[in-house]
């Protein structure tokens, strides 16, 4: 599954340090942001439905089966 020519990435939230728009143990879609990555941040679509930058240390990358990835694209 690709978005803008790159593979869609997913992460699981390990901690949220009082960020109201993140839930621990929940899977989030990552949007590419090279500049943010340089500062150890990643851009995720959070509970608000918008994309925001969060510390990369809050998340762990996960590989999802194709059928699960497709369900994310259907929800958008």
N, C-alpha and C. Protein backbone atom coordinates (compact mmCIF):
# COMPACT_ATOMS: atom_id res chain seq x y z
N UNK A 1 0.85 -1.17 0.00
CA UNK A 1 0.00 0.00 0.00
C UNK A 1 0.89 1.23 0.00
N UNK A 2 0.61 2.15 -0.91
CA UNK A 2 1.50 3.31 -1.04
C UNK A 2 0.70 4.59 -0.99
N UNK A 3 1.37 5.63 -0.51
CA UNK A 3 0.78 6.97 -0.48
C UNK A 3 1.85 7.91 -0.95
N UNK A 4 1.59 8.66 -2.04
CA UNK A 4 2.57 9.57 -2.62
C UNK A 4 3.86 8.84 -2.95
N UNK A 5 3.77 7.60 -3.46
CA UNK A 5 4.94 6.87 -3.88
C UNK A 5 5.75 6.22 -2.78
N UNK A 6 5.34 6.33 -1.55
CA UNK A 6 6.08 5.69 -0.46
C UNK A 6 5.14 4.78 0.33
N UNK A 7 5.73 3.80 0.99
CA UNK A 7 4.95 2.85 1.77
C UNK A 7 4.33 3.55 2.98
N UNK A 8 3.08 3.25 3.25
CA UNK A 8 2.41 3.81 4.42
C UNK A 8 2.98 3.14 5.65
N UNK A 9 3.31 3.93 6.64
CA UNK A 9 3.91 3.41 7.87
C UNK A 9 2.94 3.58 9.03
N UNK A 10 3.07 2.66 9.99
CA UNK A 10 2.23 2.69 11.17
C UNK A 10 3.10 2.54 12.42
N UNK A 11 2.61 3.09 13.52
CA UNK A 11 3.30 2.99 14.80
C UNK A 11 2.28 2.69 15.88
N UNK A 12 2.76 2.10 16.97
CA UNK A 12 1.91 1.93 18.14
C UNK A 12 2.38 2.93 19.18
N UNK A 13 1.44 3.55 19.87
CA UNK A 13 1.77 4.55 20.89
C UNK A 13 2.17 3.85 22.19
N UNK A 14 3.37 4.15 22.67
CA UNK A 14 3.88 3.56 23.91
C UNK A 14 3.62 4.44 25.12
N UNK A 15 3.63 5.74 24.91
CA UNK A 15 3.34 6.69 25.99
C UNK A 15 2.81 7.97 25.38
N UNK A 16 2.10 8.75 26.20
CA UNK A 16 1.53 9.99 25.68
C UNK A 16 1.85 11.21 26.52
N UNK A 17 2.46 11.03 27.68
CA UNK A 17 2.84 12.15 28.56
C UNK A 17 1.80 13.27 28.55
N UNK A 18 0.57 12.90 28.85
CA UNK A 18 -0.55 13.84 28.98
C UNK A 18 -0.98 14.51 27.68
N UNK A 19 -0.66 13.91 26.53
CA UNK A 19 -1.17 14.42 25.25
C UNK A 19 -2.58 13.87 25.09
N UNK A 20 -3.55 14.73 25.14
CA UNK A 20 -4.95 14.30 25.11
C UNK A 20 -5.35 13.63 23.81
N UNK A 21 -4.62 13.90 22.72
CA UNK A 21 -5.00 13.36 21.43
C UNK A 21 -4.24 12.09 21.05
N UNK A 22 -3.59 11.46 22.03
CA UNK A 22 -2.92 10.17 21.81
C UNK A 22 -3.39 9.18 22.85
N UNK A 23 -3.62 7.94 22.43
CA UNK A 23 -3.99 6.87 23.35
C UNK A 23 -2.88 5.82 23.32
N UNK A 24 -2.40 5.43 24.50
CA UNK A 24 -1.38 4.38 24.54
C UNK A 24 -1.97 3.06 24.03
N UNK A 25 -1.11 2.24 23.45
CA UNK A 25 -1.45 0.94 22.88
C UNK A 25 -2.35 1.03 21.65
N UNK A 26 -2.45 2.21 21.06
CA UNK A 26 -3.26 2.37 19.85
C UNK A 26 -2.33 2.56 18.66
N UNK A 27 -2.78 2.10 17.49
CA UNK A 27 -2.00 2.21 16.26
C UNK A 27 -2.36 3.50 15.54
N UNK A 28 -1.32 4.19 15.07
CA UNK A 28 -1.49 5.45 14.34
C UNK A 28 -0.75 5.40 13.01
N UNK A 29 -1.30 6.09 12.03
CA UNK A 29 -0.64 6.20 10.73
C UNK A 29 0.37 7.35 10.78
N UNK A 30 1.53 7.10 10.19
CA UNK A 30 2.60 8.09 10.13
C UNK A 30 2.58 8.77 8.78
N UNK A 31 2.74 10.08 8.76
CA UNK A 31 2.88 10.82 7.52
C UNK A 31 4.35 11.22 7.37
N UNK A 32 4.90 11.09 6.17
CA UNK A 32 6.31 11.42 5.97
C UNK A 32 6.60 12.89 6.30
N UNK A 33 7.69 13.12 7.04
CA UNK A 33 8.12 14.47 7.37
C UNK A 33 9.61 14.40 7.70
N UNK A 34 10.44 14.55 6.68
CA UNK A 34 11.89 14.41 6.85
C UNK A 34 12.47 15.45 7.80
N UNK A 35 11.97 16.67 7.74
CA UNK A 35 12.49 17.72 8.63
C UNK A 35 12.21 17.38 10.09
N UNK A 36 11.01 16.89 10.38
CA UNK A 36 10.65 16.50 11.75
C UNK A 36 11.54 15.35 12.21
N UNK A 37 11.80 14.40 11.32
CA UNK A 37 12.62 13.24 11.66
C UNK A 37 14.03 13.65 12.08
N UNK A 38 14.54 14.71 11.47
CA UNK A 38 15.87 15.20 11.83
C UNK A 38 15.93 15.63 13.29
N UNK A 39 14.80 16.05 13.84
CA UNK A 39 14.72 16.49 15.24
C UNK A 39 14.10 15.42 16.14
N UNK A 40 14.04 14.17 15.67
CA UNK A 40 13.48 13.03 16.42
C UNK A 40 12.00 13.19 16.74
N UNK A 41 11.26 13.72 15.77
CA UNK A 41 9.81 13.81 15.86
C UNK A 41 9.21 13.04 14.69
N UNK A 42 7.97 12.61 14.84
CA UNK A 42 7.24 12.03 13.72
C UNK A 42 5.86 12.69 13.64
N UNK A 43 5.32 12.67 12.44
CA UNK A 43 3.99 13.27 12.20
C UNK A 43 2.98 12.13 12.12
N UNK A 44 2.02 12.15 13.03
CA UNK A 44 0.99 11.11 13.04
C UNK A 44 -0.40 11.74 12.98
N UNK A 45 -1.34 10.96 12.48
CA UNK A 45 -2.74 11.38 12.50
C UNK A 45 -3.29 10.92 13.85
N UNK A 46 -3.58 11.88 14.72
CA UNK A 46 -3.98 11.54 16.09
C UNK A 46 -5.50 11.45 16.24
N UNK A 47 -5.96 11.41 17.48
CA UNK A 47 -7.40 11.25 17.76
C UNK A 47 -8.25 12.41 17.27
N UNK A 48 -7.64 13.56 17.05
CA UNK A 48 -8.39 14.71 16.54
C UNK A 48 -8.70 14.54 15.06
N UNK A 49 -8.01 13.56 14.41
CA UNK A 49 -8.18 13.37 12.97
C UNK A 49 -7.23 14.22 12.16
N UNK A 50 -6.44 15.02 12.83
CA UNK A 50 -5.45 15.88 12.18
C UNK A 50 -4.07 15.30 12.39
N UNK A 51 -3.11 15.78 11.59
CA UNK A 51 -1.74 15.31 11.78
C UNK A 51 -0.94 16.34 12.57
N UNK A 52 -0.19 15.82 13.54
CA UNK A 52 0.64 16.66 14.41
C UNK A 52 1.97 15.97 14.67
N UNK A 53 2.95 16.76 15.09
CA UNK A 53 4.25 16.23 15.43
C UNK A 53 4.29 15.79 16.89
N UNK A 54 4.89 14.64 17.11
CA UNK A 54 5.09 14.11 18.46
C UNK A 54 6.51 13.55 18.55
N UNK A 55 7.06 13.46 19.75
CA UNK A 55 8.38 12.85 19.90
C UNK A 55 8.35 11.40 19.39
N UNK A 56 9.35 11.04 18.60
CA UNK A 56 9.41 9.68 18.06
C UNK A 56 9.49 8.65 19.17
N UNK A 57 10.02 9.02 20.33
CA UNK A 57 10.15 8.08 21.45
C UNK A 57 8.81 7.65 22.03
N UNK A 58 7.73 8.31 21.65
CA UNK A 58 6.40 7.94 22.12
C UNK A 58 5.85 6.71 21.37
N UNK A 59 6.52 6.31 20.29
CA UNK A 59 5.98 5.31 19.38
C UNK A 59 6.99 4.21 19.05
N UNK A 60 6.44 3.09 18.57
CA UNK A 60 7.27 2.00 18.07
C UNK A 60 6.68 1.57 16.72
N UNK A 61 7.51 1.45 15.68
CA UNK A 61 6.98 1.07 14.36
C UNK A 61 6.43 -0.35 14.35
N UNK A 62 5.34 -0.55 13.61
CA UNK A 62 4.73 -1.87 13.47
C UNK A 62 4.45 -2.15 12.00
N UNK A 63 4.50 -3.41 11.66
CA UNK A 63 4.16 -3.87 10.31
C UNK A 63 2.77 -4.50 10.39
N UNK A 64 1.85 -3.99 9.60
CA UNK A 64 0.47 -4.48 9.64
C UNK A 64 0.16 -5.31 8.41
N UNK A 65 -0.69 -6.32 8.55
CA UNK A 65 -1.14 -7.09 7.38
C UNK A 65 -1.85 -6.16 6.39
N UNK A 66 -1.82 -6.52 5.12
CA UNK A 66 -2.40 -5.71 4.06
C UNK A 66 -3.86 -5.37 4.33
N UNK A 67 -4.64 -6.32 4.79
CA UNK A 67 -6.07 -6.09 5.02
C UNK A 67 -6.28 -5.01 6.10
N UNK A 68 -5.42 -4.98 7.10
CA UNK A 68 -5.52 -3.96 8.15
C UNK A 68 -5.12 -2.59 7.60
N UNK A 69 -4.07 -2.56 6.79
CA UNK A 69 -3.65 -1.30 6.17
C UNK A 69 -4.77 -0.72 5.32
N UNK A 70 -5.45 -1.58 4.58
CA UNK A 70 -6.55 -1.14 3.74
C UNK A 70 -7.69 -0.55 4.56
N UNK A 71 -7.92 -1.07 5.76
CA UNK A 71 -8.99 -0.53 6.59
C UNK A 71 -8.69 0.90 7.02
N UNK A 72 -7.41 1.24 7.16
CA UNK A 72 -7.04 2.62 7.49
C UNK A 72 -7.37 3.54 6.33
N UNK A 73 -7.10 3.11 5.11
CA UNK A 73 -7.38 3.97 3.95
C UNK A 73 -8.87 4.13 3.74
N UNK A 74 -9.67 3.14 4.09
CA UNK A 74 -11.12 3.24 3.97
C UNK A 74 -11.72 4.20 5.00
N UNK A 75 -11.07 4.30 6.15
CA UNK A 75 -11.57 5.17 7.22
C UNK A 75 -11.31 6.64 6.93
N UNK A 76 -10.40 6.93 6.02
CA UNK A 76 -10.01 8.33 5.74
C UNK A 76 -11.05 9.05 4.92
